[in-house]
PDB file of N, CA and C in Angstrom:
ATOM      1  N   MET A   1      68.876  69.841 103.943  1.00  0.00           N
ATOM      2  CA  MET A   1      68.507  70.896 103.058  1.00  0.00           C
ATOM      3  C   MET A   1      68.451  72.251 103.899  1.00  0.00           C
ATOM      4  N   THR A   2      69.093  73.252 103.491  1.00  0.00           N
ATOM      5  CA  THR A   2      69.175  74.442 104.164  1.00  0.00           C
ATOM      6  C   THR A   2      68.414  75.546 103.325  1.00  0.00           C
ATOM      7  N   ILE A   3      67.480  76.220 103.950  1.00  0.00           N
ATOM      8  CA  ILE A   3      66.762  77.328 103.246  1.00  0.00           C
ATOM      9  C   ILE A   3      67.202  78.689 103.878  1.00  0.00           C
ATOM     10  N   LEU A   4      67.633  79.508 103.086  1.00  0.00           N
ATOM     11  CA  LEU A   4      67.973  80.899 103.578  1.00  0.00           C
ATOM     12  C   LEU A   4      66.959  81.871 103.114  1.00  0.00           C
ATOM     13  N   ALA A   5      66.578  82.785 104.043  1.00  0.00           N
ATOM     14  CA  ALA A   5      65.672  83.865 103.610  1.00  0.00           C
ATOM     15  C   ALA A   5      66.278  85.160 104.046  1.00  0.00           C
ATOM     16  N   GLU A   6      65.883  86.176 103.327  1.00  0.00           N
ATOM     17  CA  GLU A   6      66.459  87.560 103.628  1.00  0.00           C
ATOM     18  C   GLU A   6      65.325  88.562 103.357  1.00  0.00           C
ATOM     19  N   THR A   7      65.160  89.536 104.333  1.00  0.00           N
ATOM     20  CA  THR A   7      64.191  90.557 104.233  1.00  0.00           C
ATOM     21  C   THR A   7      65.060  91.774 103.937  1.00  0.00           C
ATOM     22  N   TRP A   8      64.781  92.466 102.779  1.00  0.00           N
ATOM     23  CA  TRP A   8      65.587  93.608 102.517  1.00  0.00           C
ATOM     24  C   TRP A   8      65.147  94.857 103.242  1.00  0.00           C
ATOM     25  N   GLU A   9      63.831  94.993 103.483  1.00  0.00           N
ATOM     26  CA  GLU A   9      63.321  96.222 104.108  1.00  0.00           C
ATOM     27  C   GLU A   9      61.845  96.011 104.525  1.00  0.00           C
ATOM     28  N   TYR A  10      61.471  96.658 105.642  1.00  0.00           N
ATOM     29  CA  TYR A  10      60.118  96.683 105.989  1.00  0.00           C
ATOM     30  C   TYR A  10      59.363  97.639 105.062  1.00  0.00           C
ATOM     31  N   PRO A  11      58.002  97.368 104.931  1.00  0.00           N
ATOM     32  CA  PRO A  11      57.227  98.283 104.218  1.00  0.00           C
ATOM     33  C   PRO A  11      57.137  99.548 104.917  1.00  0.00           C
ATOM     34  N   ARG A  12      57.071 100.708 104.146  1.00  0.00           N
ATOM     35  CA  ARG A  12      57.007 101.996 104.714  1.00  0.00           C
ATOM     36  C   ARG A  12      55.583 102.619 104.533  1.00  0.00           C
ATOM     37  N   ILE A  13      54.620 101.905 105.003  1.00  0.00           N
ATOM     38  CA  ILE A  13      53.226 102.310 104.750  1.00  0.00           C
ATOM     39  C   ILE A  13      52.730 103.065 106.033  1.00  0.00           C
ATOM     40  N   GLY A  14      52.162 104.268 105.762  1.00  0.00           N
ATOM     41  CA  GLY A  14      51.731 105.040 106.767  1.00  0.00           C
ATOM     42  C   GLY A  14      52.604 106.288 106.920  1.00  0.00           C
ATOM     43  N   ASN A  15      52.054 107.408 107.423  1.00  0.00           N
ATOM     44  CA  ASN A  15      52.829 108.624 107.496  1.00  0.00           C
ATOM     45  C   ASN A  15      54.000 108.446 108.484  1.00  0.00           C
ATOM     46  N   ASN A  16      53.710 107.743 109.610  1.00  0.00           N
ATOM     47  CA  ASN A  16      54.734 107.483 110.565  1.00  0.00           C
ATOM     48  C   ASN A  16      55.230 106.031 110.519  1.00  0.00           C
ATOM     49  N   ARG A  17      55.175 105.381 109.376  1.00  0.00           N
ATOM     50  CA  ARG A  17      55.574 103.928 109.168  1.00  0.00           C
ATOM     51  C   ARG A  17      54.951 103.069 110.213  1.00  0.00           C
ATOM     52  N   GLU A  18      53.599 103.151 110.356  1.00  0.00           N
ATOM     53  CA  GLU A  18      52.885 102.405 111.294  1.00  0.00           C
ATOM     54  C   GLU A  18      53.098 100.913 111.062  1.00  0.00           C
ATOM     55  N   ILE A  19      53.020 100.444 109.860  1.00  0.00           N
ATOM     56  CA  ILE A  19      53.048  99.002 109.559  1.00  0.00           C
ATOM     57  C   ILE A  19      54.449  98.540 109.899  1.00  0.00           C
ATOM     58  N   LYS A  20      55.468  99.177 109.570  1.00  0.00           N
ATOM     59  CA  LYS A  20      56.834  98.860 109.879  1.00  0.00           C
ATOM     60  C   LYS A  20      56.978  98.601 111.391  1.00  0.00           C
ATOM     61  N   LYS A  21      56.472  99.632 112.172  1.00  0.00           N
ATOM     62  CA  LYS A  21      56.540  99.613 113.591  1.00  0.00           C
ATOM     63  C   LYS A  21      55.714  98.374 114.174  1.00  0.00           C
ATOM     64  N   ALA A  22      54.585  98.251 113.671  1.00  0.00           N
ATOM     65  CA  ALA A  22      53.741  97.171 114.114  1.00  0.00           C
ATOM     66  C   ALA A  22      54.375  95.846 113.821  1.00  0.00           C
ATOM     67  N   LEU A  23      54.933  95.607 112.646  1.00  0.00           N
ATOM     68  CA  LEU A  23      55.572  94.338 112.324  1.00  0.00           C
ATOM     69  C   LEU A  23      56.903  94.118 113.240  1.00  0.00           C
ATOM     70  N   LYS A  24      57.610  95.076 113.440  1.00  0.00           N
ATOM     71  CA  LYS A  24      58.773  95.015 114.332  1.00  0.00           C
ATOM     72  C   LYS A  24      58.354  94.584 115.728  1.00  0.00           C
ATOM     73  N   ALA A  25      57.299  95.312 116.292  1.00  0.00           N
ATOM     74  CA  ALA A  25      56.870  94.981 117.569  1.00  0.00           C
ATOM     75  C   ALA A  25      56.339  93.542 117.660  1.00  0.00           C
ATOM     76  N   PHE A  26      55.611  93.061 116.658  1.00  0.00           N
ATOM     77  CA  PHE A  26      55.075  91.787 116.560  1.00  0.00           C
ATOM     78  C   PHE A  26      56.142  90.724 116.656  1.00  0.00           C
ATOM     79  N   PHE A  27      57.186  90.879 115.755  1.00  0.00           N
ATOM     80  CA  PHE A  27      58.261  89.936 115.682  1.00  0.00           C
ATOM     81  C   PHE A  27      59.227  89.874 116.883  1.00  0.00           C
ATOM     82  N   THR A  28      59.190  90.985 117.694  1.00  0.00           N
ATOM     83  CA  THR A  28      59.963  90.988 118.886  1.00  0.00           C
ATOM     84  C   THR A  28      59.182  90.604 120.066  1.00  0.00           C
ATOM     85  N   GLY A  29      57.864  90.239 119.881  1.00  0.00           N
ATOM     86  CA  GLY A  29      57.007  89.801 120.909  1.00  0.00           C
ATOM     87  C   GLY A  29      56.324  90.838 121.733  1.00  0.00           C
ATOM     88  N   LYS A  30      56.378  92.032 121.313  1.00  0.00           N
ATOM     89  CA  LYS A  30      55.789  93.205 122.058  1.00  0.00           C
ATOM     90  C   LYS A  30      54.373  93.512 121.608  1.00  0.00           C
ATOM     91  N   LEU A  31      53.873  92.889 120.571  1.00  0.00           N
ATOM     92  CA  LEU A  31      52.533  93.161 120.013  1.00  0.00           C
ATOM     93  C   LEU A  31      51.828  91.854 119.762  1.00  0.00           C
ATOM     94  N   GLU A  32      50.686  91.723 120.165  1.00  0.00           N
ATOM     95  CA  GLU A  32      49.822  90.533 119.975  1.00  0.00           C
ATOM     96  C   GLU A  32      49.278  90.502 118.445  1.00  0.00           C
ATOM     97  N   THR A  33      48.953  89.309 118.097  1.00  0.00           N
ATOM     98  CA  THR A  33      48.419  89.074 116.650  1.00  0.00           C
ATOM     99  C   THR A  33      47.200  89.936 116.383  1.00  0.00           C
ATOM    100  N   ASP A  34      46.283  90.027 117.288  1.00  0.00           N
ATOM    101  CA  ASP A  34      45.144  90.939 117.008  1.00  0.00           C
ATOM    102  C   ASP A  34      45.382  92.313 116.885  1.00  0.00           C
ATOM    103  N   ALA A  35      46.332  92.924 117.638  1.00  0.00           N
ATOM    104  CA  ALA A  35      46.693  94.245 117.440  1.00  0.00           C
ATOM    105  C   ALA A  35      47.352  94.504 116.086  1.00  0.00           C
ATOM    106  N   LEU A  36      48.192  93.532 115.636  1.00  0.00           N
ATOM    107  CA  LEU A  36      48.874  93.647 114.391  1.00  0.00           C
ATOM    108  C   LEU A  36      47.778  93.645 113.233  1.00  0.00           C
ATOM    109  N   LEU A  37      46.877  92.760 113.349  1.00  0.00           N
ATOM    110  CA  LEU A  37      45.830  92.664 112.317  1.00  0.00           C
ATOM    111  C   LEU A  37      44.918  93.858 112.291  1.00  0.00           C
ATOM    112  N   GLN A  38      44.820  94.651 113.371  1.00  0.00           N
ATOM    113  CA  GLN A  38      44.002  95.903 113.425  1.00  0.00           C
ATOM    114  C   GLN A  38      44.758  97.092 112.799  1.00  0.00           C
ATOM    115  N   THR A  39      46.010  96.993 112.727  1.00  0.00           N
ATOM    116  CA  THR A  39      46.854  98.057 112.186  1.00  0.00           C
ATOM    117  C   THR A  39      46.584  98.365 110.707  1.00  0.00           C
ATOM    118  N   VAL A  40      46.500  97.335 109.910  1.00  0.00           N
ATOM    119  CA  VAL A  40      46.270  97.530 108.612  1.00  0.00           C
ATOM    120  C   VAL A  40      44.958  98.060 108.128  1.00  0.00           C
ATOM    121  N   PRO A  41      43.801  97.657 108.713  1.00  0.00           N
ATOM    122  CA  PRO A  41      42.536  98.228 108.388  1.00  0.00           C
ATOM    123  C   PRO A  41      42.443  99.636 108.904  1.00  0.00           C
ATOM    124  N   ALA A  42      43.108  99.938 109.993  1.00  0.00           N
ATOM    125  CA  ALA A  42      43.012 101.370 110.462  1.00  0.00           C
ATOM    126  C   ALA A  42      43.763 102.288 109.472  1.00  0.00           C
ATOM    127  N   LEU A  43      44.871 101.783 108.995  1.00  0.00           N
ATOM    128  CA  LEU A  43      45.561 102.592 107.980  1.00  0.00           C
ATOM    129  C   LEU A  43      44.810 102.748 106.707  1.00  0.00           C
ATOM    130  N   LYS A  44      44.147 101.662 106.277  1.00  0.00           N
ATOM    131  CA  LYS A  44      43.284 101.793 105.085  1.00  0.00           C
ATOM    132  C   LYS A  44      42.219 102.830 105.273  1.00  0.00           C
ATOM    133  N   ASN A  45      41.607 102.903 106.435  1.00  0.00           N
ATOM    134  CA  ASN A  45      40.595 103.890 106.717  1.00  0.00           C
ATOM    135  C   ASN A  45      41.172 105.287 106.620  1.00  0.00           C
ATOM    136  N   MET A  46      42.350 105.498 107.212  1.00  0.00           N
ATOM    137  CA  MET A  46      43.016 106.789 107.213  1.00  0.00           C
ATOM    138  C   MET A  46      43.334 107.202 105.765  1.00  0.00           C
ATOM    139  N   VAL A  47      43.801 106.333 104.867  1.00  0.00           N
ATOM    140  CA  VAL A  47      44.102 106.628 103.542  1.00  0.00           C
ATOM    141  C   VAL A  47      42.839 106.958 102.800  1.00  0.00           C
ATOM    142  N   LYS A  48      41.781 106.164 102.964  1.00  0.00           N
ATOM    143  CA  LYS A  48      40.547 106.362 102.324  1.00  0.00           C
ATOM    144  C   LYS A  48      39.953 107.771 102.640  1.00  0.00           C
ATOM    145  N   SER A  49      40.026 108.210 103.915  1.00  0.00           N
ATOM    146  CA  SER A  49      39.485 109.425 104.374  1.00  0.00           C
ATOM    147  C   SER A  49      40.351 110.543 103.754  1.00  0.00           C
ATOM    148  N   ALA A  50      41.597 110.439 103.722  1.00  0.00           N
ATOM    149  CA  ALA A  50      42.508 111.510 103.101  1.00  0.00           C
ATOM    150  C   ALA A  50      42.276 111.637 101.612  1.00  0.00           C
ATOM    151  N   THR A  51      41.990 110.428 101.049  1.00  0.00           N
ATOM    152  CA  THR A  51      41.753 110.482  99.563  1.00  0.00           C
ATOM    153  C   THR A  51      40.362 111.220  99.207  1.00  0.00           C
ATOM    154  N   VAL A  52      39.380 110.897 100.060  1.00  0.00           N
ATOM    155  CA  VAL A  52      38.028 111.593  99.866  1.00  0.00           C
ATOM    156  C   VAL A  52      38.178 113.055 100.063  1.00  0.00           C
ATOM    157  N   ARG A  53      38.935 113.480 101.159  1.00  0.00           N
ATOM    158  CA  ARG A  53      39.202 114.909 101.369  1.00  0.00           C
ATOM    159  C   ARG A  53      39.804 115.562 100.246  1.00  0.00           C
ATOM    160  N   GLN A  54      40.811 114.936  99.730  1.00  0.00           N
ATOM    161  CA  GLN A  54      41.600 115.476  98.670  1.00  0.00           C
ATOM    162  C   GLN A  54      40.764 115.657  97.353  1.00  0.00           C
ATOM    163  N   GLN A  55      39.962 114.628  97.105  1.00  0.00           N
ATOM    164  CA  GLN A  55      39.059 114.692  95.949  1.00  0.00           C
ATOM    165  C   GLN A  55      38.037 115.778  96.155  1.00  0.00           C
ATOM    166  N   GLU A  56      37.524 115.927  97.321  1.00  0.00           N
ATOM    167  CA  GLU A  56      36.570 117.089  97.588  1.00  0.00           C
ATOM    168  C   GLU A  56      37.216 118.426  97.480  1.00  0.00           C
ATOM    169  N   THR A  57      38.452 118.536  97.843  1.00  0.00           N
ATOM    170  CA  THR A  57      39.227 119.847  97.688  1.00  0.00           C
ATOM    171  C   THR A  57      39.416 120.140  96.239  1.00  0.00           C
ATOM    172  N   ASN A  58      39.828 119.148  95.473  1.00  0.00           N
ATOM    173  CA  ASN A  58      40.110 119.292  93.965  1.00  0.00           C
ATOM    174  C   ASN A  58      38.816 119.645  93.256  1.00  0.00           C
ATOM    175  N   ALA A  59      37.675 119.171  93.729  1.00  0.00           N
ATOM    176  CA  ALA A  59      36.404 119.379  93.012  1.00  0.00           C
ATOM    177  C   ALA A  59      35.909 120.785  93.296  1.00  0.00           C
ATOM    178  N   SER A  60      36.290 121.401  94.365  1.00  0.00           N
ATOM    179  CA  SER A  60      35.904 122.733  94.662  1.00  0.00           C
ATOM    180  C   SER A  60      36.505 123.807  93.772  1.00  0.00           C
TER     181      SER A  60
END
């Protein structure tokens, strides 16, 4: 039995595509698992901070 898989595109999450770069580095062996798992929470914090700032600006 042969199973074929195809990835169309990396996710483009982050202003500088941080998740794409982290995944690529991980799959090529240049990034450890712990560093990969730290990338997503760091981006979530960045997005949350930006959202709060935007809401504060809109409320003014």
